[in-house]
Protein backbone atom coordinates (compact mmCIF):
# COMPACT_ATOMS: atom_id res chain seq x y z
CA MET A 1 -7.64 -1.99 -19.25
CA THR A 2 -7.32 1.44 -17.10
CA ARG A 3 -10.65 1.86 -16.88
CA GLY A 4 -11.47 -1.76 -15.97
CA ARG A 5 -9.34 -2.16 -13.29
CA GLY A 6 -10.28 1.53 -11.18
CA ARG A 7 -13.56 1.24 -11.67
CA TRP A 8 -13.72 0.21 -8.11
CA LEU A 9 -12.53 2.66 -6.11
CA TRP A 10 -15.39 5.67 -6.82
CA PRO A 11 -18.37 3.01 -5.62
CA ILE A 12 -15.86 2.80 -2.30
CA ILE A 13 -14.96 6.75 -1.76
CA LEU A 14 -19.04 7.44 -2.45
CA GLY A 15 -20.41 4.65 -0.80
CA GLY A 16 -18.45 6.07 2.62
CA LEU A 17 -19.38 8.83 2.02
CA LEU A 18 -22.82 8.34 1.57
CA ILE A 19 -23.48 5.78 4.49
CA LEU A 20 -22.14 9.29 6.50
CA VAL A 21 -24.35 11.80 5.34
CA ALA A 22 -27.62 10.35 3.37
CA SER A 23 -28.29 8.82 7.14
CA PRO A 24 -30.39 10.82 9.56
CA SER A 25 -29.20 9.96 12.49
CA VAL A 26 -25.58 10.52 12.16
CA TRP A 27 -25.72 14.83 12.09
CA ALA A 28 -27.81 16.79 13.99
CA ALA A 29 -30.18 19.67 12.55
CA SER A 30 -30.23 21.70 15.26
CA GLY A 31 -28.12 25.46 14.59
CA PRO A 32 -25.55 26.94 12.21
CA GLY A 33 -22.56 25.18 13.59
CA LEU A 34 -20.54 21.95 12.92
CA PRO A 35 -22.05 18.94 13.60
CA SER A 36 -22.54 16.40 15.57
CA ILE A 37 -22.87 12.75 16.18
CA SER A 38 -25.63 11.49 18.52
CA ILE A 39 -25.38 8.25 20.47
CA THR A 40 -29.06 8.99 22.52
CA PRO A 41 -29.51 5.55 22.57
CA SER A 42 -32.53 5.22 21.26
CA HIS A 43 -34.44 1.42 19.80
CA GLY A 44 -35.48 -0.74 16.14
CA ALA A 45 -32.78 0.04 13.21
CA ALA A 46 -32.26 4.02 14.16
CA ALA A 47 -30.24 2.58 16.85
CA ASN A 48 -27.84 -0.04 14.54
CA GLN A 49 -28.02 2.31 12.34
CA THR A 50 -26.02 4.41 14.51
CA ILE A 51 -23.54 1.85 16.03
CA GLY A 52 -23.22 0.77 12.42
CA ILE A 53 -22.12 4.33 11.28
CA LEU A 54 -19.79 4.94 14.33
CA ALA A 55 -17.93 1.43 13.45
CA LEU A 56 -17.07 1.98 10.72
CA ILE A 57 -15.95 5.67 11.74
CA THR A 58 -13.82 3.82 13.40
CA LEU A 59 -13.10 1.44 10.57
CA ILE A 60 -11.56 4.34 8.45
CA SER A 61 -9.21 5.43 11.20
CA PHE A 62 -7.47 2.60 10.34
CA LEU A 63 -7.68 3.04 6.67
CA PRO A 64 -3.93 4.90 6.73
CA ALA A 65 -2.67 1.82 8.92
CA ILE A 66 -4.27 -1.04 6.80
CA LEU A 67 -3.18 1.02 3.41
CA LEU A 68 0.19 0.65 4.49
CA THR A 69 0.55 -2.39 6.40
CA MET A 70 -2.07 -4.50 3.83
CA THR A 71 -1.46 -3.68 0.71
CA ALA A 72 1.58 -3.29 -2.33
CA PHE A 73 2.29 0.15 -0.77
CA THR A 74 4.95 -0.59 1.73
CA ARG A 75 6.86 -2.13 -1.64
CA VAL A 76 6.28 0.42 -3.90
CA ILE A 77 7.14 3.56 -1.33
CA THR A 78 10.93 1.30 -0.52
CA VAL A 79 11.47 1.00 -4.03
CA LEU A 80 11.00 4.34 -5.33
CA SER A 81 13.37 5.93 -2.44
CA PHE A 82 15.60 3.52 -3.54
CA VAL A 83 15.72 5.13 -6.41
CA ARG A 84 15.88 8.51 -5.37
CA SER A 85 19.10 7.24 -3.03
CA ALA A 86 20.73 5.68 -5.80
CA LEU A 87 20.35 8.51 -8.06
CA GLY A 88 21.94 10.69 -5.66
CA LEU A 89 18.51 13.13 -5.10
CA SER A 90 17.53 13.46 -1.34
CA GLN A 91 14.20 16.03 -2.83
CA THR A 92 14.30 14.66 -6.71
CA PRO A 93 11.40 13.92 -7.25
CA PRO A 94 9.66 15.56 -3.78
CA ASN A 95 8.36 13.07 -1.04
CA GLN A 96 4.97 14.60 -2.36
CA VAL A 97 5.84 12.71 -6.10
CA LEU A 98 6.86 9.77 -4.39
CA ILE A 99 4.11 9.79 -2.41
CA GLY A 100 1.17 9.99 -5.12
CA LEU A 101 3.39 8.06 -7.03
CA ALA A 102 3.14 4.84 -4.89
CA LEU A 103 -0.69 5.71 -3.67
CA PHE A 104 -1.81 5.24 -7.65
CA LEU A 105 0.42 2.03 -7.99
CA THR A 106 -1.03 0.87 -4.99
CA PHE A 107 -4.42 1.23 -6.55
CA PHE A 108 -3.45 -0.33 -9.48
CA ILE A 109 -1.76 -3.53 -7.97
CA MET A 110 -4.60 -3.94 -5.37
CA ALA A 111 -7.60 -2.79 -8.44
CA PRO A 112 -7.77 -7.61 -8.28
CA THR A 113 -8.03 -7.21 -4.55
CA MET A 114 -10.35 -4.74 -3.59
CA THR A 115 -12.70 -5.13 -6.86
CA ALA A 116 -13.27 -8.69 -4.74
CA ILE A 117 -13.93 -6.99 -1.28
CA ASN A 118 -16.06 -4.11 -3.48
CA HIS A 119 -18.46 -7.08 -4.44
CA GLN A 120 -18.52 -9.55 -1.40
CA ALA A 121 -18.68 -7.19 1.11
CA LEU A 122 -19.55 -3.35 0.06
CA HIS A 123 -22.55 -4.09 -2.61
CA PRO A 124 -23.98 -6.71 0.21
CA TYR A 125 -23.48 -4.16 2.68
CA LEU A 126 -25.04 -1.00 1.68
CA ALA A 127 -27.91 -3.81 -0.13
CA GLY A 128 -28.52 -4.12 3.69
CA HIS A 129 -28.46 -7.89 2.74
CA VAL A 130 -25.27 -8.14 5.18
CA SER A 131 -24.27 -6.99 8.58
CA LEU A 132 -21.48 -4.22 8.96
CA THR A 133 -19.70 -7.30 10.56
CA THR A 134 -20.39 -10.00 7.90
CA ALA A 135 -19.47 -7.52 5.75
CA GLY A 136 -15.42 -6.60 8.20
CA LYS A 137 -15.44 -10.21 7.66
CA ARG A 138 -15.94 -10.71 3.43
CA ALA A 139 -13.65 -7.96 3.24
CA LEU A 140 -10.65 -9.33 4.91
CA GLY A 141 -10.72 -12.53 3.20
CA PRO A 142 -8.89 -11.02 0.07
CA LEU A 143 -6.52 -8.89 1.79
CA ARG A 144 -5.59 -12.12 3.43
CA THR A 145 -5.43 -13.74 0.35
CA PHE A 146 -3.61 -10.84 -1.19
CA MET A 147 -0.75 -10.90 1.90
CA TYR A 148 -0.46 -14.65 1.83
CA HIS A 149 0.62 -15.25 -2.10
CA GLN A 150 3.06 -12.28 -1.21
CA THR A 151 4.62 -13.75 2.38
CA ARG A 152 7.72 -15.88 1.97
CA PRO A 153 7.67 -19.12 3.68
CA GLY A 154 10.15 -18.51 6.36
CA ASP A 155 8.84 -14.90 7.20
CA LEU A 156 5.70 -16.96 7.91
CA ALA A 157 7.26 -19.54 9.94
CA LEU A 158 8.81 -17.90 12.02
CA PHE A 159 5.83 -15.66 13.54
CA LEU A 160 4.15 -19.51 13.57
CA ARG A 161 6.89 -20.20 16.04
CA MET A 162 6.70 -17.25 17.89
CA ASP A 163 3.05 -17.35 18.70
CA HIS A 164 3.40 -20.97 19.86
CA VAL A 165 1.22 -21.30 16.01
CA LYS A 166 1.17 -25.31 14.31
CA ALA A 167 1.96 -24.96 10.82
CA PRO A 168 -1.19 -24.73 8.77
CA HIS A 169 -1.98 -26.34 5.30
CA SER A 170 -3.63 -23.24 4.64
CA LEU A 171 -4.15 -20.37 4.49
CA ARG A 172 -7.11 -21.19 6.40
CA GLY A 173 -5.57 -21.73 9.23
CA VAL A 174 -3.38 -18.76 9.87
CA PRO A 175 -4.42 -15.61 11.96
CA THR A 176 -4.69 -12.93 10.63
CA MET A 177 -2.13 -11.53 13.95
CA VAL A 178 0.60 -13.39 12.38
CA LEU A 179 -0.12 -13.03 8.66
CA ILE A 180 0.62 -8.83 8.87
CA PRO A 181 3.78 -9.53 10.50
CA ALA A 182 4.96 -12.52 8.03
CA PHE A 183 3.35 -10.19 4.89
CA ILE A 184 5.37 -6.74 6.32
CA ILE A 185 8.50 -8.42 6.44
CA SER A 186 8.41 -10.47 3.09
CA GLU A 187 7.48 -6.92 1.27
CA LEU A 188 10.79 -5.04 2.97
CA LYS A 189 13.38 -8.34 1.84
CA THR A 190 11.84 -7.96 -1.17
CA ALA A 191 12.27 -4.43 -2.06
CA PHE A 192 15.12 -4.30 -0.90
CA GLU A 193 16.46 -7.54 -2.97
CA ILE A 194 14.84 -5.02 -5.90
CA GLY A 195 16.85 -1.35 -4.48
CA VAL A 196 20.35 -3.88 -4.54
CA TYR A 197 19.89 -4.43 -8.91
CA ILE A 198 18.24 -0.38 -8.99
CA TYR A 199 22.03 -0.04 -6.42
CA ILE A 200 24.42 -1.67 -8.63
CA PRO A 201 24.73 -0.10 -12.24
CA PHE A 202 25.26 3.58 -10.42
CA VAL A 203 27.78 2.53 -8.22
CA VAL A 204 29.73 1.35 -11.53
CA ILE A 205 29.38 4.90 -12.40
CA ASP A 206 30.31 6.36 -9.05
CA MET A 207 33.73 4.30 -8.96
CA VAL A 208 35.39 4.59 -12.86
CA VAL A 209 33.80 8.08 -11.95
CA ALA A 210 36.45 8.31 -9.03
CA THR A 211 39.10 6.15 -10.56
CA ILE A 212 39.10 8.50 -13.83
CA LEU A 213 39.48 11.70 -11.50
CA MET A 214 41.70 10.14 -9.16
CA SER A 215 44.44 8.77 -12.44
CA MET A 216 44.36 12.34 -13.81
CA GLY A 217 45.45 13.61 -10.19
CA MET A 218 42.05 15.86 -9.83
CA MET A 219 41.27 14.28 -6.51
CA MET A 220 40.00 17.85 -5.12
CA VAL A 221 36.97 17.54 -7.75
CA PRO A 222 33.81 16.18 -5.92
CA PRO A 223 33.29 12.65 -7.91
CA THR A 224 29.47 13.06 -7.33
CA LEU A 225 30.25 16.92 -9.96
CA ILE A 226 30.17 14.38 -12.02
CA SER A 227 28.90 10.64 -12.16
CA LEU A 228 25.59 12.57 -11.02
CA PRO A 229 24.48 13.82 -14.47
CA LEU A 230 26.09 10.93 -16.17
CA LYS A 231 23.06 8.89 -13.52
CA LEU A 232 21.09 11.03 -14.73
CA LEU A 233 21.96 10.67 -18.47
CA LEU A 234 22.37 6.50 -18.32
CA PHE A 235 18.36 6.56 -16.69
CA VAL A 236 17.11 8.82 -18.62
CA LEU A 237 18.12 6.69 -21.93
CA ALA A 238 16.92 3.52 -19.92
CA ASN A 239 13.74 5.01 -19.99
CA GLY A 240 14.08 3.83 -16.21
CA TRP A 241 10.95 5.13 -14.52
CA THR A 242 9.39 3.09 -17.11
CA LEU A 243 11.53 0.13 -16.15
CA VAL A 244 10.99 0.32 -12.61
CA VAL A 245 7.19 0.47 -12.25
CA LYS A 246 7.21 -2.58 -15.02
CA SER A 247 9.51 -4.13 -12.62
CA LEU A 248 7.21 -3.23 -9.59
CA VAL A 249 4.11 -4.64 -11.20
CA MET A 250 5.35 -7.82 -12.41
CA SER A 251 7.04 -8.96 -8.92
CA PHE A 252 3.83 -8.89 -7.94
CA HIS A 253 2.27 -11.43 -10.86
CA GLY A 254 4.88 -13.26 -9.86
CA GLY A 255 5.30 -13.45 -5.62
């Protein structure tokens, strides 16, 4: 199952690299210096290829924004940050570890969507069956479907009203510029709801420890000195990371 879900990742990466490297009109052949991009007007297929590559490079520059706003990354990284904050740890796990885990969880959750993009848009474009514009429209379809299913109706209705758009009966009538912010707000709201459930047991531990220390007259002892090991022990014994990851994945399946 894991191999099947990761099957889409390498074709996308290798396909993009092949387009950029294999085209003779991209890299200048003269001189040992840095490669340069030729934008000199030409005729026929070479001109179309150059324009297509420039458009692809522009699209690649938007990939971080697409990853942050149009995938599961927002919910995943927010919940993981809640876990670290609830445990009372400021730098453990490090930010790099949390972001890496969030990225690979995003790839796992988005695998069906990216597989659809791979089959509907990337393969036909690399084979020369469709233009770059058509491939972009086809790639946007699965992403819109994913966002629409994860967006709360109330949030979508809010942005439709602010954009003065009549409520549509299906996804086809929802503008993408309305769907994206509604999706982000819904993701943040869902992540905060999960964060509340994560916080509750650790807040109870902090309150119990603080009450016991006050009743024993040990008011000079910081409660975190006692509660932090207890919270870590509870998290480890409950197999906390597994529960958090499972809850995250299931929240998208039932969204």
